[in-house]
């Protein structure tokens, strides 16, 4: 794949105002493409230089702004099958390349790396509830392959991190390590974590649109252990002069964390990117096929530096532990370890 197209393309981003889709639209504008962002316009602003087309995919008449138009490439991030089918019916025959952003949540099992998918929801399902997220994405994938045929690219990202992440699963850690002091660390340091940088993913999707890549790929970087992950963040912070030395990590068993109200993954009172065992032992997906198809994952240090430049001055985290909560859990852990310590003679 090349990083520069031979000629500007007409690129339609269905969404384009939030996180991944906005990052992709901005990058497409920077590469010189003629970009149309189609959305309701209630979640954010499209990037400068992109045309805005107001649509409402929940309405039968909501796609009129796109009727009769032709595009070289479309990228869709939708999660509701009833909103995916109609836009395919309208545009699939007028588009050169159709890229659908799915998710690794389509896989039926988390405890092993297996190819089995969840049973899809109905192709006309309008159910937005998060418990149907994976099954709805399977139904969306099927619609894209059925209606876009040989023009379809389906990519299944894992955890997307970086500047603009609305869930802050990564952001807790660089801010917390930069504060110094004793840091509560979850579970086993060897427990793997895996992610894809939003900038890398957006660049690959645009490369794929430019080159015509099709097929189905997991979109993810290789996993690393949680300990190596935290060490890598600390090294990046040292490299930009934010941290003086290695962090003071206190590794605490997952059962103890759960007992004391510490949540995995994301959200309030969570330690971001930590997934408990054994339910998520196979949650990591292989990265080699996507890398062979042009995905270029950034080193962790580059991801952290980009996040820090974008967020550190005015962080507004929606996830993680308060210092009070962390201190209480660490205190309880030290009390327990002292209670079970073997007295010296």
Protein backbone atom coordinates (compact mmCIF):
# COMPACT_ATOMS: atom_id res chain seq x y z
CA UNK A 1 0.00 0.00 0.00
CA UNK A 2 1.04 3.56 -0.54
CA UNK A 3 0.52 6.51 1.74
CA UNK A 4 -0.31 8.91 -1.09
CA UNK A 5 -3.07 8.34 -3.64
CA UNK A 6 -2.43 8.83 -7.34
CA UNK A 7 -5.50 11.07 -7.61
CA UNK A 8 -8.03 12.54 -5.20
CA UNK A 9 -10.91 10.24 -4.38
CA UNK A 10 -14.47 10.99 -3.42
CA UNK A 11 -14.63 9.58 0.10
CA UNK A 12 -17.84 9.27 2.12
CA UNK A 13 -17.49 8.79 5.87
CA UNK A 14 -20.75 7.69 7.46
CA UNK A 15 -20.25 9.35 10.81
CA UNK A 16 -17.15 11.46 10.71
CA UNK A 17 -17.77 13.61 13.78
CA UNK A 18 -16.53 11.39 16.63
CA UNK A 19 -13.24 9.61 17.38
CA UNK A 20 -12.31 7.00 14.73
CA UNK A 21 -14.55 8.28 11.94
CA UNK A 22 -13.53 11.88 12.57
CA UNK A 23 -9.85 10.91 12.66
CA UNK A 24 -10.27 9.12 9.33
CA UNK A 25 -12.16 12.04 7.74
CA UNK A 26 -9.50 14.49 8.89
CA UNK A 27 -6.71 12.30 7.50
CA UNK A 28 -8.55 11.91 4.19
CA UNK A 29 -8.81 15.70 3.90
CA UNK A 30 -5.09 16.01 4.69
CA UNK A 31 -4.31 13.54 1.89
CA UNK A 32 -6.21 15.67 -0.59
CA UNK A 33 -9.36 13.62 -1.01
CA UNK A 34 -12.79 15.14 -1.50
CA UNK A 35 -14.43 14.11 1.74
CA UNK A 36 -18.12 14.05 2.59
CA UNK A 37 -19.11 13.46 6.21
CA UNK A 38 -22.69 12.19 6.58
CA UNK A 39 -24.21 12.28 10.06
CA UNK A 40 -27.01 13.77 12.12
CA UNK A 41 -24.70 16.53 13.29
CA UNK A 42 -25.53 16.12 16.97
CA UNK A 43 -22.34 14.46 18.24
CA UNK A 44 -19.67 16.85 17.02
CA UNK A 45 -18.33 18.85 14.11
CA UNK A 46 -16.80 17.38 10.95
CA UNK A 47 -13.14 18.20 10.33
CA UNK A 48 -12.29 21.41 8.49
CA UNK A 49 -12.28 20.90 4.74
CA UNK A 50 -14.94 18.17 4.67
CA UNK A 51 -18.38 18.60 3.17
CA UNK A 52 -21.20 17.90 5.63
CA UNK A 53 -24.33 16.02 4.57
CA UNK A 54 -27.03 15.85 7.23
CA UNK A 55 -28.67 12.42 7.39
CA UNK A 56 -30.75 10.49 9.90
CA UNK A 57 -30.40 6.76 9.46
CA UNK A 58 -33.24 6.08 11.88
CA UNK A 59 -35.71 7.79 9.54
CA UNK A 60 -37.11 6.32 6.28
CA UNK A 61 -36.47 9.65 4.54
CA UNK A 62 -33.22 10.31 6.34
CA UNK A 63 -30.82 9.42 3.50
CA UNK A 64 -32.10 11.86 0.88
CA UNK A 65 -28.95 14.00 1.08
CA UNK A 66 -27.00 11.07 -0.41
CA UNK A 67 -29.44 9.97 -3.10
CA UNK A 68 -28.00 9.94 -6.62
CA UNK A 69 -24.43 10.56 -5.50
CA UNK A 70 -21.35 8.54 -6.45
CA UNK A 71 -18.28 7.85 -4.30
CA UNK A 72 -15.00 6.08 -4.82
CA UNK A 73 -14.93 4.86 -1.23
CA UNK A 74 -17.27 4.61 1.77
CA UNK A 75 -16.35 3.93 5.39
CA UNK A 76 -19.17 2.98 7.77
CA UNK A 77 -18.88 2.53 11.54
CA UNK A 78 -22.55 1.79 12.29
CA UNK A 79 -23.67 -0.83 14.80
CA UNK A 80 -27.42 -1.18 14.07
CA UNK A 81 -28.33 -3.47 11.13
CA UNK A 82 -31.51 -1.54 10.31
CA UNK A 83 -29.32 1.50 9.64
CA UNK A 84 -26.75 -0.38 7.55
CA UNK A 85 -29.01 -2.11 5.03
CA UNK A 86 -30.79 0.98 3.65
CA UNK A 87 -27.61 2.95 2.96
CA UNK A 88 -26.19 -0.09 1.17
CA UNK A 89 -29.35 -0.34 -0.92
CA UNK A 90 -28.99 3.32 -1.81
CA UNK A 91 -25.26 3.48 -2.56
CA UNK A 92 -23.65 0.06 -3.02
CA UNK A 93 -23.94 0.18 -6.83
CA UNK A 94 -22.55 3.75 -6.91
CA UNK A 95 -19.43 3.12 -4.79
CA UNK A 96 -16.06 1.66 -5.72
CA UNK A 97 -14.98 0.39 -2.30
CA UNK A 98 -17.03 -0.25 0.85
CA UNK A 99 -15.26 -0.45 4.21
CA UNK A 100 -17.15 -1.55 7.29
CA UNK A 101 -15.73 -1.14 10.79
CA UNK A 102 -16.82 -4.13 12.86
CA UNK A 103 -15.35 -5.38 16.16
CA UNK A 104 -13.61 -8.37 17.72
CA UNK A 105 -16.74 -8.60 19.87
CA UNK A 106 -18.27 -10.60 17.00
CA UNK A 107 -16.41 -13.69 18.20
CA UNK A 108 -18.47 -16.18 20.18
CA UNK A 109 -15.81 -17.01 22.78
CA UNK A 110 -13.45 -14.88 24.81
CA UNK A 111 -11.69 -17.68 26.67
CA UNK A 112 -9.94 -19.07 23.56
CA UNK A 113 -8.83 -17.66 20.23
CA UNK A 114 -11.46 -19.22 17.95
CA UNK A 115 -13.07 -18.19 14.65
CA UNK A 116 -16.66 -18.91 15.70
CA UNK A 117 -18.96 -15.90 15.54
CA UNK A 118 -22.02 -14.97 17.55
CA UNK A 119 -25.40 -15.68 16.04
CA UNK A 120 -26.39 -12.50 14.19
CA UNK A 121 -29.37 -10.43 15.07
CA UNK A 122 -32.06 -10.04 12.42
CA UNK A 123 -30.84 -8.02 9.41
CA UNK A 124 -33.54 -5.43 10.08
CA UNK A 125 -32.90 -5.24 13.83
CA UNK A 126 -32.96 -1.73 15.28
CA UNK A 127 -31.91 -2.84 18.78
CA UNK A 128 -29.16 -0.49 20.08
CA UNK A 129 -28.57 -2.14 23.49
CA UNK A 130 -24.93 -2.88 24.27
CA UNK A 131 -25.64 -6.53 25.08
CA UNK A 132 -26.48 -7.04 21.39
CA UNK A 133 -23.41 -5.15 20.15
CA UNK A 134 -21.41 -8.14 18.89
CA UNK A 135 -24.38 -9.95 17.39
CA UNK A 136 -25.56 -6.76 15.69
CA UNK A 137 -22.12 -6.23 14.16
CA UNK A 138 -22.23 -9.80 12.77
CA UNK A 139 -25.53 -8.94 11.08
CA UNK A 140 -24.03 -5.71 9.73
CA UNK A 141 -21.03 -7.61 8.34
CA UNK A 142 -23.35 -10.03 6.56
CA UNK A 143 -25.30 -7.16 5.00
CA UNK A 144 -22.12 -5.50 3.75
CA UNK A 145 -20.83 -8.71 2.16
CA UNK A 146 -24.22 -9.48 0.62
CA UNK A 147 -24.85 -6.05 -0.88
CA UNK A 148 -21.32 -4.74 -1.58
CA UNK A 149 -19.94 -8.10 -2.69
CA UNK A 150 -16.38 -8.06 -3.99
CA UNK A 151 -15.99 -4.38 -3.05
CA UNK A 152 -16.32 -5.09 0.69
CA UNK A 153 -13.64 -4.70 3.33
CA UNK A 154 -14.60 -5.74 6.88
CA UNK A 155 -12.17 -4.95 9.67
CA UNK A 156 -12.58 -6.04 13.28
CA UNK A 157 -10.73 -3.75 15.65
CA UNK A 158 -10.02 -4.54 19.24
CA UNK A 159 -9.66 -1.78 21.79
CA UNK A 160 -9.11 1.49 19.91
CA UNK A 161 -6.97 3.90 21.94
CA UNK A 162 -5.46 7.31 21.47
CA UNK A 163 -6.29 10.98 21.44
CA UNK A 164 -10.03 11.54 21.55
CA UNK A 165 -10.96 8.18 23.10
CA UNK A 166 -14.38 8.84 24.66
CA UNK A 167 -13.97 5.97 27.14
CA UNK A 168 -10.48 6.83 28.45
CA UNK A 169 -9.34 3.24 28.84
CA UNK A 170 -5.77 4.20 28.03
CA UNK A 171 -5.75 7.72 29.45
CA UNK A 172 -5.89 6.76 33.12
CA UNK A 173 -2.47 5.17 33.04
CA UNK A 174 -0.17 7.95 31.73
CA UNK A 175 -1.84 10.48 34.00
CA UNK A 176 -1.61 8.20 37.01
CA UNK A 177 2.02 7.21 36.43
CA UNK A 178 2.98 10.84 35.88
CA UNK A 179 1.68 11.68 39.37
CA UNK A 180 4.20 9.28 40.92
CA UNK A 181 3.91 7.50 44.25
CA UNK A 182 2.69 3.98 44.80
CA UNK A 183 0.48 2.79 41.94
CA UNK A 184 -2.15 0.06 42.20
CA UNK A 185 -1.57 -2.45 39.39
CA UNK A 186 -4.07 -5.18 38.48
CA UNK A 187 -3.63 -8.93 38.59
CA UNK A 188 -0.74 -10.69 36.89
CA UNK A 189 1.99 -8.58 35.21
CA UNK A 190 2.15 -11.20 32.44
CA UNK A 191 -1.56 -10.88 31.66
CA UNK A 192 -1.72 -9.79 28.00
CA UNK A 193 -3.30 -6.55 26.85
CA UNK A 194 -3.92 -5.57 23.24
CA UNK A 195 -5.01 -2.45 21.39
CA UNK A 196 -4.92 -0.53 18.13
CA UNK A 197 -3.95 3.13 17.94
CA UNK A 198 -6.75 5.20 16.41
CA UNK A 199 -4.28 7.05 14.19
CA UNK A 200 -2.80 3.80 12.86
CA UNK A 201 -6.22 2.27 12.26
CA UNK A 202 -7.55 5.33 10.44
CA UNK A 203 -4.44 5.45 8.24
CA UNK A 204 -4.82 1.78 7.34
CA UNK A 205 -8.51 2.15 6.48
CA UNK A 206 -7.67 5.03 4.17
CA UNK A 207 -4.75 3.12 2.65
CA UNK A 208 -7.18 0.26 2.01
CA UNK A 209 -9.66 2.56 0.30
CA UNK A 210 -6.91 3.96 -1.91
CA UNK A 211 -5.55 0.54 -2.88
CA UNK A 212 -8.83 -1.40 -3.03
CA UNK A 213 -8.03 -3.90 -0.29
CA UNK A 214 -10.94 -6.26 0.38
CA UNK A 215 -11.64 -9.20 2.69
CA UNK A 216 -12.03 -9.60 6.44
CA UNK A 217 -9.29 -8.80 8.94
CA UNK A 218 -8.81 -8.44 12.68
CA UNK A 219 -7.47 -4.93 13.18
CA UNK A 220 -5.14 -5.11 16.15
CA UNK A 221 -1.51 -4.90 17.25
CA UNK A 222 0.39 -7.70 18.96
CA UNK A 223 -0.39 -8.13 22.69
CA UNK A 224 2.05 -7.37 25.48
CA UNK A 225 1.95 -8.21 29.16
CA UNK A 226 0.34 -5.70 31.52
CA UNK A 227 3.67 -5.21 33.23
CA UNK A 228 5.45 -4.44 29.96
CA UNK A 229 2.55 -2.15 29.04
CA UNK A 230 2.90 -0.06 32.20
CA UNK A 231 6.69 -0.05 31.93
CA UNK A 232 6.39 1.14 28.33
CA UNK A 233 4.12 3.99 29.36
CA UNK A 234 6.60 5.00 32.06
CA UNK A 235 9.48 4.94 29.59
CA UNK A 236 7.53 7.16 27.20
CA UNK A 237 6.80 9.62 30.00
CA UNK A 238 10.46 9.66 30.98
CA UNK A 239 11.36 10.32 27.34
CA UNK A 240 9.24 13.49 27.24
CA UNK A 241 10.45 14.66 30.66
CA UNK A 242 7.25 13.99 32.58
CA UNK A 243 8.53 11.20 34.84
CA UNK A 244 11.93 10.91 36.51
CA UNK A 245 12.17 7.18 37.07
CA UNK A 246 10.34 3.84 36.98
CA UNK A 247 6.94 3.64 38.67
CA UNK A 248 6.30 2.05 42.07
CA UNK A 249 3.82 -0.63 41.07
CA UNK A 250 1.98 -2.77 43.61
CA UNK A 251 0.54 -5.80 41.85
CA UNK A 252 -2.66 -6.97 43.50
CA UNK A 253 -4.64 -10.17 42.80
CA UNK A 254 -7.81 -9.77 40.79
CA UNK A 255 -9.95 -11.41 43.48
CA UNK A 256 -8.84 -8.78 45.99
CA UNK A 257 -9.54 -5.97 43.55
CA UNK A 258 -13.01 -7.31 42.85
CA UNK A 259 -13.74 -7.64 46.58
CA UNK A 260 -12.86 -3.97 47.01
CA UNK A 261 -14.97 -2.63 44.18
CA UNK A 262 -12.31 -2.14 41.51
CA UNK A 263 -13.75 -2.75 38.06
CA UNK A 264 -11.98 -4.09 34.97
CA UNK A 265 -11.74 -2.61 31.48
CA UNK A 266 -13.35 0.85 31.65
CA UNK A 267 -15.74 3.15 33.44
CA UNK A 268 -15.89 4.46 37.01
CA UNK A 269 -13.65 2.82 39.62
CA UNK A 270 -11.82 0.85 36.93
CA UNK A 271 -8.27 0.02 36.02
CA UNK A 272 -8.28 0.53 32.29
CA UNK A 273 -7.45 -2.28 29.87
CA UNK A 274 -7.34 -4.90 32.63
CA UNK A 275 -9.41 -7.98 31.78
CA UNK A 276 -9.94 -10.69 34.41
CA UNK A 277 -9.06 -14.35 34.01
CA UNK A 278 -10.32 -16.88 32.96
CA UNK A 279 -13.29 -15.37 31.12
CA UNK A 280 -11.13 -13.30 28.78
CA UNK A 281 -8.08 -15.55 28.46
CA UNK A 282 -8.43 -15.79 24.67
CA UNK A 283 -9.56 -12.21 24.13
CA UNK A 284 -6.37 -11.32 22.24
CA UNK A 285 -6.54 -11.81 18.50
CA UNK A 286 -3.70 -12.53 16.04
CA UNK A 287 -2.26 -9.46 14.36
CA UNK A 288 -0.06 -10.92 11.63
CA UNK A 289 -2.63 -11.02 8.83
CA UNK A 290 -3.55 -7.35 9.17
CA UNK A 291 0.10 -6.36 9.37
CA UNK A 292 0.78 -8.33 6.18
CA UNK A 293 -2.09 -6.36 4.58
CA UNK A 294 -0.53 -3.02 5.46
CA UNK A 295 -1.48 -2.21 9.06
CA UNK A 296 1.47 -0.47 10.73
CA UNK A 297 1.00 -0.39 14.52
CA UNK A 298 2.91 2.38 16.26
CA UNK A 299 5.24 1.57 19.13
CA UNK A 300 3.52 2.10 22.48
CA UNK A 301 5.75 5.09 23.21
CA UNK A 302 4.47 6.95 20.14
CA UNK A 303 0.86 6.27 21.09
CA UNK A 304 1.48 7.61 24.59
CA UNK A 305 3.27 10.71 23.31
CA UNK A 306 0.38 11.49 20.96
CA UNK A 307 -2.15 10.98 23.74
CA UNK A 308 -0.16 13.17 26.12
CA UNK A 309 0.12 16.05 23.65
CA UNK A 310 -3.61 15.93 22.98
CA UNK A 311 -4.99 15.39 26.48
CA UNK A 312 -2.62 16.01 29.35
CA UNK A 313 -3.09 19.77 29.69
CA UNK A 314 -6.84 19.53 30.36
CA UNK A 315 -7.71 15.90 31.12
CA UNK A 316 -11.35 15.08 31.69
CA UNK A 317 -11.23 11.36 32.33
CA UNK A 318 -14.44 9.38 32.41
CA UNK A 319 -12.75 6.26 33.75
CA UNK A 320 -10.26 5.14 36.36
CA UNK A 321 -9.81 5.26 40.12
CA UNK A 322 -9.83 8.36 42.27
CA UNK A 323 -6.72 8.80 44.39
CA UNK A 324 -8.88 8.27 47.48
CA UNK A 325 -10.22 4.96 46.17
CA UNK A 326 -6.78 3.80 45.09
CA UNK A 327 -5.30 4.72 48.47
CA UNK A 328 -8.02 2.83 50.33
CA UNK A 329 -7.47 -0.31 48.25
CA UNK A 330 -3.69 -0.12 48.65
CA UNK A 331 -4.10 0.38 52.39
CA UNK A 332 -6.37 -2.65 52.66
CA UNK A 333 -3.91 -4.72 50.64
CA UNK A 334 -0.98 -3.78 52.86
CA UNK A 335 -3.06 -4.52 55.97
CA UNK A 336 -3.80 -7.97 54.60
CA UNK A 337 -0.21 -8.74 53.67
CA UNK A 338 0.98 -7.62 57.11
CA UNK A 339 -1.65 -9.79 58.81
CA UNK A 340 -0.41 -12.84 56.92
CA UNK A 341 3.28 -12.05 57.25
CA UNK A 342 5.36 -14.66 59.06
CA UNK A 343 6.87 -13.10 62.20
CA UNK A 344 10.63 -13.16 62.46
CA UNK A 345 12.27 -15.10 65.31
